[in-house]
Amino acid sequence: MVPEDNSAMRDSYLILDEYMRFLDCSSGKKVPSKSILDVGVHSALLFSGFDSDMFIQRGGKYKWYKREHIHGMVNARGF
């Protein structure tokens, strides 16, 4: 777990609701985009309020890995 203050979190996360709409919280309200099921991810993302610079600044980009079981052993493989 990584502690974050509100300024680091604001607009640096993507939030989807149950209708697959991004929620733009940049105005202090949760304003939904059109559903990604109707307009696609790229178009809906334009109305998400997402701040990619803040995402990078808060350390949101890091290396993911998947653990695989090979012959009873756990192996970590980078992506």
PDB file of N, CA and C in Angstrom:
ATOM      1  N   MET A   1       0.832  -1.156   0.000  1.00  0.00           N
ATOM      2  CA  MET A   1       0.000   0.000   0.000  1.00  0.00           C
ATOM      3  C   MET A   1       0.892   1.239   0.000  1.00  0.00           C
ATOM      4  N   VAL A   2       0.498   2.243  -0.791  1.00  0.00           N
ATOM      5  CA  VAL A   2       1.262   3.474  -0.898  1.00  0.00           C
ATOM      6  C   VAL A   2       0.361   4.641  -0.494  1.00  0.00           C
ATOM      7  N   PRO A   3       0.738   5.401   0.539  1.00  0.00           N
ATOM      8  CA  PRO A   3      -0.090   6.546   0.912  1.00  0.00           C
ATOM      9  C   PRO A   3       0.013   7.655  -0.128  1.00  0.00           C
ATOM     10  N   GLU A   4      -1.121   8.278  -0.446  1.00  0.00           N
ATOM     11  CA  GLU A   4      -1.151   9.376  -1.418  1.00  0.00           C
ATOM     12  C   GLU A   4      -2.078  10.471  -0.893  1.00  0.00           C
ATOM     13  N   ASP A   5      -1.687  11.714  -1.117  1.00  0.00           N
ATOM     14  CA  ASP A   5      -2.588  12.795  -0.741  1.00  0.00           C
ATOM     15  C   ASP A   5      -3.562  13.065  -1.885  1.00  0.00           C
ATOM     16  N   ASN A   6      -4.553  13.882  -1.621  1.00  0.00           N
ATOM     17  CA  ASN A   6      -5.597  14.141  -2.617  1.00  0.00           C
ATOM     18  C   ASN A   6      -5.059  14.762  -3.898  1.00  0.00           C
ATOM     19  N   SER A   7      -4.075  15.652  -3.792  1.00  0.00           N
ATOM     20  CA  SER A   7      -3.546  16.289  -4.998  1.00  0.00           C
ATOM     21  C   SER A   7      -2.832  15.290  -5.898  1.00  0.00           C
ATOM     22  N   ALA A   8      -2.192  14.276  -5.312  1.00  0.00           N
ATOM     23  CA  ALA A   8      -1.517  13.250  -6.114  1.00  0.00           C
ATOM     24  C   ALA A   8      -2.523  12.318  -6.777  1.00  0.00           C
ATOM     25  N   MET A   9      -3.645  12.095  -6.105  1.00  0.00           N
ATOM     26  CA  MET A   9      -4.650  11.172  -6.645  1.00  0.00           C
ATOM     27  C   MET A   9      -5.567  11.844  -7.663  1.00  0.00           C
ATOM     28  N   ARG A  10      -5.824  13.121  -7.501  1.00  0.00           N
ATOM     29  CA  ARG A  10      -6.789  13.811  -8.342  1.00  0.00           C
ATOM     30  C   ARG A  10      -6.414  13.703  -9.823  1.00  0.00           C
ATOM     31  N   ASP A  11      -7.281  13.162 -10.598  1.00  0.00           N
ATOM     32  CA  ASP A  11      -7.158  13.043 -12.058  1.00  0.00           C
ATOM     33  C   ASP A  11      -6.043  12.111 -12.527  1.00  0.00           C
ATOM     34  N   SER A  12      -5.392  11.389 -11.607  1.00  0.00           N
ATOM     35  CA  SER A  12      -4.317  10.491 -12.029  1.00  0.00           C
ATOM     36  C   SER A  12      -4.752   9.027 -12.005  1.00  0.00           C
ATOM     37  N   TYR A  13      -6.033   8.810 -11.784  1.00  0.00           N
ATOM     38  CA  TYR A  13      -6.617   7.470 -11.840  1.00  0.00           C
ATOM     39  C   TYR A  13      -7.756   7.471 -12.852  1.00  0.00           C
ATOM     40  N   LEU A  14      -7.986   6.333 -13.467  1.00  0.00           N
ATOM     41  CA  LEU A  14      -9.148   6.165 -14.333  1.00  0.00           C
ATOM     42  C   LEU A  14     -10.200   5.390 -13.551  1.00  0.00           C
ATOM     43  N   ILE A  15     -11.398   5.930 -13.492  1.00  0.00           N
ATOM     44  CA  ILE A  15     -12.489   5.300 -12.755  1.00  0.00           C
ATOM     45  C   ILE A  15     -13.591   4.952 -13.742  1.00  0.00           C
ATOM     46  N   LEU A  16     -14.048   3.697 -13.717  1.00  0.00           N
ATOM     47  CA  LEU A  16     -15.167   3.250 -14.548  1.00  0.00           C
ATOM     48  C   LEU A  16     -16.361   2.953 -13.656  1.00  0.00           C
ATOM     49  N   ASP A  17     -17.551   3.353 -14.102  1.00  0.00           N
ATOM     50  CA  ASP A  17     -18.753   2.996 -13.351  1.00  0.00           C
ATOM     51  C   ASP A  17     -19.342   1.705 -13.906  1.00  0.00           C
ATOM     52  N   GLU A  18     -20.476   1.312 -13.373  1.00  0.00           N
ATOM     53  CA  GLU A  18     -21.090   0.035 -13.759  1.00  0.00           C
ATOM     54  C   GLU A  18     -21.598   0.017 -15.196  1.00  0.00           C
ATOM     55  N   TYR A  19     -21.671   1.192 -15.833  1.00  0.00           N
ATOM     56  CA  TYR A  19     -22.109   1.282 -17.226  1.00  0.00           C
ATOM     57  C   TYR A  19     -20.919   1.431 -18.181  1.00  0.00           C
ATOM     58  N   MET A  20     -19.716   1.200 -17.636  1.00  0.00           N
ATOM     59  CA  MET A  20     -18.468   1.274 -18.409  1.00  0.00           C
ATOM     60  C   MET A  20     -18.233   2.686 -18.940  1.00  0.00           C
ATOM     61  N   ARG A  21     -18.503   3.666 -18.082  1.00  0.00           N
ATOM     62  CA  ARG A  21     -18.250   5.070 -18.402  1.00  0.00           C
ATOM     63  C   ARG A  21     -17.115   5.560 -17.497  1.00  0.00           C
ATOM     64  N   PHE A  22     -16.191   6.315 -18.075  1.00  0.00           N
ATOM     65  CA  PHE A  22     -15.158   6.938 -17.252  1.00  0.00           C
ATOM     66  C   PHE A  22     -15.805   8.062 -16.457  1.00  0.00           C
ATOM     67  N   LEU A  23     -15.366   8.233 -15.217  1.00  0.00           N
ATOM     68  CA  LEU A  23     -15.878   9.304 -14.383  1.00  0.00           C
ATOM     69  C   LEU A  23     -14.835  10.406 -14.285  1.00  0.00           C
ATOM     70  N   ASP A  24     -15.177  11.579 -14.807  1.00  0.00           N
ATOM     71  CA  ASP A  24     -14.299  12.742 -14.774  1.00  0.00           C
ATOM     72  C   ASP A  24     -14.538  13.474 -13.461  1.00  0.00           C
ATOM     73  N   CYS A  25     -13.552  13.455 -12.589  1.00  0.00           N
ATOM     74  CA  CYS A  25     -13.670  14.074 -11.260  1.00  0.00           C
ATOM     75  C   CYS A  25     -12.917  15.401 -11.183  1.00  0.00           C
ATOM     76  N   SER A  26     -12.443  15.923 -12.315  1.00  0.00           N
ATOM     77  CA  SER A  26     -11.609  17.123 -12.303  1.00  0.00           C
ATOM     78  C   SER A  26     -12.341  18.367 -11.798  1.00  0.00           C
ATOM     79  N   SER A  27     -13.668  18.382 -11.875  1.00  0.00           N
ATOM     80  CA  SER A  27     -14.435  19.543 -11.411  1.00  0.00           C
ATOM     81  C   SER A  27     -14.928  19.370  -9.978  1.00  0.00           C
ATOM     82  N   GLY A  28     -14.562  18.260  -9.352  1.00  0.00           N
ATOM     83  CA  GLY A  28     -15.042  17.975  -8.008  1.00  0.00           C
ATOM     84  C   GLY A  28     -16.312  17.138  -8.000  1.00  0.00           C
ATOM     85  N   LYS A  29     -16.895  16.929  -9.177  1.00  0.00           N
ATOM     86  CA  LYS A  29     -18.066  16.065  -9.334  1.00  0.00           C
ATOM     87  C   LYS A  29     -17.655  14.869 -10.176  1.00  0.00           C
ATOM     88  N   LYS A  30     -18.438  13.824 -10.153  1.00  0.00           N
ATOM     89  CA  LYS A  30     -18.177  12.649 -10.994  1.00  0.00           C
ATOM     90  C   LYS A  30     -19.055  12.755 -12.243  1.00  0.00           C
ATOM     91  N   VAL A  31     -18.477  13.285 -13.322  1.00  0.00           N
ATOM     92  CA  VAL A  31     -19.202  13.489 -14.570  1.00  0.00           C
ATOM     93  C   VAL A  31     -18.896  12.321 -15.505  1.00  0.00           C
ATOM     94  N   PRO A  32     -19.902  11.523 -15.869  1.00  0.00           N
ATOM     95  CA  PRO A  32     -19.643  10.342 -16.696  1.00  0.00           C
ATOM     96  C   PRO A  32     -19.423  10.682 -18.175  1.00  0.00           C
ATOM     97  N   SER A  33     -18.513   9.931 -18.795  1.00  0.00           N
ATOM     98  CA  SER A  33     -18.333  10.006 -20.241  1.00  0.00           C
ATOM     99  C   SER A  33     -19.410   9.133 -20.881  1.00  0.00           C
ATOM    100  N   LYS A  34     -19.368   9.026 -22.191  1.00  0.00           N
ATOM    101  CA  LYS A  34     -20.203   8.026 -22.858  1.00  0.00           C
ATOM    102  C   LYS A  34     -19.572   6.661 -22.592  1.00  0.00           C
ATOM    103  N   SER A  35     -20.363   5.621 -22.671  1.00  0.00           N
ATOM    104  CA  SER A  35     -19.880   4.279 -22.378  1.00  0.00           C
ATOM    105  C   SER A  35     -18.848   3.821 -23.407  1.00  0.00           C
ATOM    106  N   ILE A  36     -17.808   3.149 -22.924  1.00  0.00           N
ATOM    107  CA  ILE A  36     -16.810   2.603 -23.840  1.00  0.00           C
ATOM    108  C   ILE A  36     -17.425   1.531 -24.726  1.00  0.00           C
ATOM    109  N   LEU A  37     -18.533   0.957 -24.307  1.00  0.00           N
ATOM    110  CA  LEU A  37     -19.226  -0.045 -25.120  1.00  0.00           C
ATOM    111  C   LEU A  37     -19.886   0.596 -26.339  1.00  0.00           C
ATOM    112  N   ASP A  38     -20.223   1.881 -26.227  1.00  0.00           N
ATOM    113  CA  ASP A  38     -20.884   2.594 -27.326  1.00  0.00           C
ATOM    114  C   ASP A  38     -19.910   3.354 -28.222  1.00  0.00           C
ATOM    115  N   VAL A  39     -18.889   3.978 -27.625  1.00  0.00           N
ATOM    116  CA  VAL A  39     -18.016   4.859 -28.407  1.00  0.00           C
ATOM    117  C   VAL A  39     -16.569   4.403 -28.475  1.00  0.00           C
ATOM    118  N   GLY A  40     -16.227   3.349 -27.740  1.00  0.00           N
ATOM    119  CA  GLY A  40     -14.850   2.863 -27.711  1.00  0.00           C
ATOM    120  C   GLY A  40     -14.042   3.558 -26.627  1.00  0.00           C
ATOM    121  N   VAL A  41     -12.944   2.920 -26.254  1.00  0.00           N
ATOM    122  CA  VAL A  41     -12.119   3.411 -25.160  1.00  0.00           C
ATOM    123  C   VAL A  41     -11.491   4.761 -25.503  1.00  0.00           C
ATOM    124  N   HIS A  42     -10.915   4.893 -26.694  1.00  0.00           N
ATOM    125  CA  HIS A  42     -10.210   6.127 -27.057  1.00  0.00           C
ATOM    126  C   HIS A  42     -11.134   7.338 -26.970  1.00  0.00           C
ATOM    127  N   SER A  43     -12.320   7.238 -27.542  1.00  0.00           N
ATOM    128  CA  SER A  43     -13.252   8.368 -27.515  1.00  0.00           C
ATOM    129  C   SER A  43     -13.710   8.687 -26.094  1.00  0.00           C
ATOM    130  N   ALA A  44     -14.035   7.680 -25.316  1.00  0.00           N
ATOM    131  CA  ALA A  44     -14.486   7.910 -23.941  1.00  0.00           C
ATOM    132  C   ALA A  44     -13.361   8.477 -23.087  1.00  0.00           C
ATOM    133  N   LEU A  45     -12.139   8.045 -23.344  1.00  0.00           N
ATOM    134  CA  LEU A  45     -10.985   8.511 -22.578  1.00  0.00           C
ATOM    135  C   LEU A  45     -10.772  10.017 -22.727  1.00  0.00           C
ATOM    136  N   LEU A  46     -11.158  10.563 -23.861  1.00  0.00           N
ATOM    137  CA  LEU A  46     -11.011  12.011 -24.078  1.00  0.00           C
ATOM    138  C   LEU A  46     -11.836  12.821 -23.088  1.00  0.00           C
ATOM    139  N   PHE A  47     -12.859  12.216 -22.490  1.00  0.00           N
ATOM    140  CA  PHE A  47     -13.743  12.905 -21.553  1.00  0.00           C
ATOM    141  C   PHE A  47     -13.584  12.381 -20.123  1.00  0.00           C
ATOM    142  N   SER A  48     -12.448  11.749 -19.838  1.00  0.00           N
ATOM    143  CA  SER A  48     -12.223  11.135 -18.526  1.00  0.00           C
ATOM    144  C   SER A  48     -11.610  12.089 -17.508  1.00  0.00           C
ATOM    145  N   GLY A  49     -11.014  13.190 -17.971  1.00  0.00           N
ATOM    146  CA  GLY A  49     -10.315  14.096 -17.065  1.00  0.00           C
ATOM    147  C   GLY A  49      -8.967  13.557 -16.611  1.00  0.00           C
ATOM    148  N   PHE A  50      -8.494  12.482 -17.248  1.00  0.00           N
ATOM    149  CA  PHE A  50      -7.250  11.824 -16.845  1.00  0.00           C
ATOM    150  C   PHE A  50      -6.051  12.716 -17.134  1.00  0.00           C
ATOM    151  N   ASP A  51      -5.167  12.844 -16.146  1.00  0.00           N
ATOM    152  CA  ASP A  51      -3.946  13.638 -16.260  1.00  0.00           C
ATOM    153  C   ASP A  51      -2.754  12.681 -16.309  1.00  0.00           C
ATOM    154  N   SER A  52      -2.274  12.406 -17.506  1.00  0.00           N
ATOM    155  CA  SER A  52      -1.185  11.424 -17.655  1.00  0.00           C
ATOM    156  C   SER A  52       0.109  11.911 -17.017  1.00  0.00           C
ATOM    157  N   ASP A  53       0.353  13.231 -17.011  1.00  0.00           N
ATOM    158  CA  ASP A  53       1.563  13.747 -16.366  1.00  0.00           C
ATOM    159  C   ASP A  53       1.530  13.491 -14.858  1.00  0.00           C
ATOM    160  N   MET A  54       0.378  13.702 -14.227  1.00  0.00           N
ATOM    161  CA  MET A  54       0.250  13.449 -12.792  1.00  0.00           C
ATOM    162  C   MET A  54       0.374  11.953 -12.505  1.00  0.00           C
ATOM    163  N   PHE A  55      -0.145  11.118 -13.408  1.00  0.00           N
ATOM    164  CA  PHE A  55      -0.024   9.675 -13.279  1.00  0.00           C
ATOM    165  C   PHE A  55       1.447   9.263 -13.198  1.00  0.00           C
ATOM    166  N   ILE A  56       2.265   9.801 -14.106  1.00  0.00           N
ATOM    167  CA  ILE A  56       3.703   9.506 -14.128  1.00  0.00           C
ATOM    168  C   ILE A  56       4.374  10.095 -12.890  1.00  0.00           C
ATOM    169  N   GLN A  57       4.024  11.340 -12.551  1.00  0.00           N
ATOM    170  CA  GLN A  57       4.638  12.031 -11.415  1.00  0.00           C
ATOM    171  C   GLN A  57       4.405  11.293 -10.097  1.00  0.00           C
ATOM    172  N   ARG A  58       3.222  10.713  -9.912  1.00  0.00           N
ATOM    173  CA  ARG A  58       2.935  10.005  -8.659  1.00  0.00           C
ATOM    174  C   ARG A  58       3.491   8.585  -8.656  1.00  0.00           C
ATOM    175  N   GLY A  59       4.181   8.193  -9.745  1.00  0.00           N
ATOM    176  CA  GLY A  59       4.795   6.868  -9.801  1.00  0.00           C
ATOM    177  C   GLY A  59       3.837   5.778 -10.222  1.00  0.00           C
ATOM    178  N   GLY A  60       2.811   6.142 -11.007  1.00  0.00           N
ATOM    179  CA  GLY A  60       1.797   5.177 -11.417  1.00  0.00           C
ATOM    180  C   GLY A  60       2.274   4.152 -12.427  1.00  0.00           C
ATOM    181  N   LYS A  61       3.355   4.450 -13.123  1.00  0.00           N
ATOM    182  CA  LYS A  61       3.875   3.513 -14.126  1.00  0.00           C
ATOM    183  C   LYS A  61       5.009   2.707 -13.501  1.00  0.00           C
ATOM    184  N   TYR A  62       4.817   1.416 -13.422  1.00  0.00           N
ATOM    185  CA  TYR A  62       5.855   0.549 -12.900  1.00  0.00           C
ATOM    186  C   TYR A  62       5.782  -0.795 -13.592  1.00  0.00           C
ATOM    187  N   LYS A  63       6.807  -1.594 -13.415  1.00  0.00           N
ATOM    188  CA  LYS A  63       6.901  -2.872 -14.115  1.00  0.00           C
ATOM    189  C   LYS A  63       5.988  -3.904 -13.457  1.00  0.00           C
ATOM    190  N   TRP A  64       5.113  -4.485 -14.256  1.00  0.00           N
ATOM    191  CA  TRP A  64       4.227  -5.557 -13.798  1.00  0.00           C
ATOM    192  C   TRP A  64       4.868  -6.889 -14.125  1.00  0.00           C
ATOM    193  N   TYR A  65       4.530  -7.881 -13.361  1.00  0.00           N
ATOM    194  CA  TYR A  65       4.978  -9.223 -13.688  1.00  0.00           C
ATOM    195  C   TYR A  65       3.899 -10.217 -13.319  1.00  0.00           C
ATOM    196  N   LYS A  66       3.983 -11.360 -13.948  1.00  0.00           N
ATOM    197  CA  LYS A  66       3.026 -12.431 -13.715  1.00  0.00           C
ATOM    198  C   LYS A  66       3.783 -13.645 -13.204  1.00  0.00           C
ATOM    199  N   ARG A  67       3.248 -14.226 -12.166  1.00  0.00           N
ATOM    200  CA  ARG A  67       3.875 -15.442 -11.641  1.00  0.00           C
ATOM    201  C   ARG A  67       3.282 -16.647 -12.344  1.00  0.00           C
ATOM    202  N   GLU A  68       4.145 -17.529 -12.770  1.00  0.00           N
ATOM    203  CA  GLU A  68       3.706 -18.754 -13.439  1.00  0.00           C
ATOM    204  C   GLU A  68       4.202 -19.960 -12.646  1.00  0.00           C
ATOM    205  N   HIS A  69       3.406 -20.963 -12.616  1.00  0.00           N
ATOM    206  CA  HIS A  69       3.806 -22.208 -11.967  1.00  0.00           C
ATOM    207  C   HIS A  69       4.373 -23.146 -13.025  1.00  0.00           C
ATOM    208  N   ILE A  70       5.633 -23.483 -12.865  1.00  0.00           N
ATOM    209  CA  ILE A  70       6.290 -24.385 -13.803  1.00  0.00           C
ATOM    210  C   ILE A  70       6.813 -25.578 -13.013  1.00  0.00           C
ATOM    211  N   HIS A  71       6.226 -26.729 -13.267  1.00  0.00           N
ATOM    212  CA  HIS A  71       6.635 -27.968 -12.596  1.00  0.00           C
ATOM    213  C   HIS A  71       6.670 -27.792 -11.073  1.00  0.00           C
ATOM    214  N   GLY A  72       5.629 -27.170 -10.520  1.00  0.00           N
ATOM    215  CA  GLY A  72       5.538 -27.007  -9.079  1.00  0.00           C
ATOM    216  C   GLY A  72       6.333 -25.852  -8.512  1.00  0.00           C
ATOM    217  N   MET A  73       7.055 -25.106  -9.377  1.00  0.00           N
ATOM    218  CA  MET A  73       7.836 -23.978  -8.912  1.00  0.00           C
ATOM    219  C   MET A  73       7.191 -22.686  -9.407  1.00  0.00           C
ATOM    220  N   VAL A  74       7.348 -21.637  -8.666  1.00  0.00           N
ATOM    221  CA  VAL A  74       6.818 -20.334  -9.066  1.00  0.00           C
ATOM    222  C   VAL A  74       7.908 -19.587  -9.781  1.00  0.00           C
ATOM    223  N   ASN A  75       7.595 -19.053 -10.961  1.00  0.00           N
ATOM    224  CA  ASN A  75       8.536 -18.300 -11.751  1.00  0.00           C
ATOM    225  C   ASN A  75       7.954 -16.914 -12.035  1.00  0.00           C
ATOM    226  N   ALA A  76       8.675 -15.854 -11.753  1.00  0.00           N
ATOM    227  CA  ALA A  76       8.205 -14.496 -12.053  1.00  0.00           C
ATOM    228  C   ALA A  76       8.715 -14.103 -13.433  1.00  0.00           C
ATOM    229  N   ARG A  77       7.785 -13.712 -14.284  1.00  0.00           N
ATOM    230  CA  ARG A  77       8.137 -13.340 -15.654  1.00  0.00           C
ATOM    231  C   ARG A  77       7.744 -11.886 -15.877  1.00  0.00           C
ATOM    232  N   GLY A  78       8.665 -11.051 -16.332  1.00  0.00           N
ATOM    233  CA  GLY A  78       8.380  -9.646 -16.603  1.00  0.00           C
ATOM    234  C   GLY A  78       7.634  -9.466 -17.899  1.00  0.00           C
ATOM    235  N   PHE A  79       6.866  -8.386 -17.989  1.00  0.00           N
ATOM    236  CA  PHE A  79       6.140  -8.047 -19.210  1.00  0.00           C
ATOM    237  C   PHE A  79       6.766  -6.873 -19.874  1.00  0.00           C
TER     238      PHE A  79
END
